[in-house]
């Protein structure tokens, strides 16, 4: 998982990640079309799925192999 976790932000959904992982930057205002998290899934050392989570819209985009 690749995630940008600011100490302060405009999105409450990051609060859980902030408690578990900690901050990676001071402040970030996420735009509605800007993903805050990217997850890469592997099977047998090959990428099989990539997902992007967006802050304010609550949408998830998934790409499958």
Protein backbone atom coordinates (compact mmCIF):
# COMPACT_ATOMS: atom_id res chain seq x y z
CA UNK A 1 0.00 0.00 0.00
CA UNK A 2 1.23 3.46 -0.87
CA UNK A 3 -0.43 6.21 1.12
CA UNK A 4 0.12 9.89 1.88
CA UNK A 5 -0.78 10.56 5.50
CA UNK A 6 -0.67 14.21 6.51
CA UNK A 7 -0.68 15.36 10.13
CA UNK A 8 -3.61 17.63 9.21
CA UNK A 9 -6.00 17.11 6.32
CA UNK A 10 -9.53 17.73 5.11
CA UNK A 11 -10.58 14.05 5.08
CA UNK A 12 -11.71 12.06 8.12
CA UNK A 13 -11.16 8.67 6.42
CA UNK A 14 -7.40 8.92 6.93
CA UNK A 15 -7.70 9.12 10.73
CA UNK A 16 -7.41 5.35 11.19
CA UNK A 17 -4.33 5.10 9.01
CA UNK A 18 -2.77 8.04 10.83
CA UNK A 19 -3.15 6.22 14.16
CA UNK A 20 -1.65 2.98 12.82
CA UNK A 21 1.12 4.23 10.51
CA UNK A 22 1.74 7.85 11.53
CA UNK A 23 2.14 10.99 9.46
CA UNK A 24 4.22 11.21 6.29
CA UNK A 25 3.83 14.97 5.78
CA UNK A 26 2.57 18.04 7.65
CA UNK A 27 -0.58 19.21 5.82
CA UNK A 28 -2.47 18.19 2.71
CA UNK A 29 -5.81 19.32 1.27
CA UNK A 30 -6.91 16.46 -0.94
CA UNK A 31 -8.90 17.37 -4.03
CA UNK A 32 -11.98 15.25 -4.81
CA UNK A 33 -10.23 13.80 -7.89
CA UNK A 34 -6.93 13.07 -6.11
CA UNK A 35 -6.30 9.59 -4.64
CA UNK A 36 -4.88 9.42 -1.13
CA UNK A 37 -4.14 5.70 -1.21
CA UNK A 38 -2.90 3.21 -3.80
CA UNK A 39 -2.85 -0.53 -3.13
CA UNK A 40 -0.94 -2.98 -5.31
CA UNK A 41 -1.87 -6.68 -5.14
CA UNK A 42 0.47 -9.46 -6.23
CA UNK A 43 0.03 -13.14 -7.03
CA UNK A 44 3.07 -15.25 -7.84
CA UNK A 45 5.21 -12.09 -8.04
CA UNK A 46 2.99 -10.52 -10.69
CA UNK A 47 0.70 -7.54 -10.24
CA UNK A 48 -2.91 -8.70 -10.45
CA UNK A 49 -4.76 -5.65 -9.14
CA UNK A 50 -4.17 -1.95 -8.41
CA UNK A 51 -6.67 0.19 -6.52
CA UNK A 52 -6.88 3.94 -5.89
CA UNK A 53 -8.96 5.38 -3.01
CA UNK A 54 -10.23 8.94 -3.28
CA UNK A 55 -10.80 11.22 -0.31
CA UNK A 56 -14.01 13.22 -0.56
CA UNK A 57 -15.99 11.25 -3.09
CA UNK A 58 -15.61 7.88 -1.38
CA UNK A 59 -14.93 6.26 -4.75
CA UNK A 60 -12.54 3.42 -5.42
CA UNK A 61 -10.98 2.71 -8.82
CA UNK A 62 -9.71 -0.81 -9.45
CA UNK A 63 -7.56 -2.12 -12.28
CA UNK A 64 -7.28 -5.87 -12.83
CA UNK A 65 -4.79 -7.85 -14.87
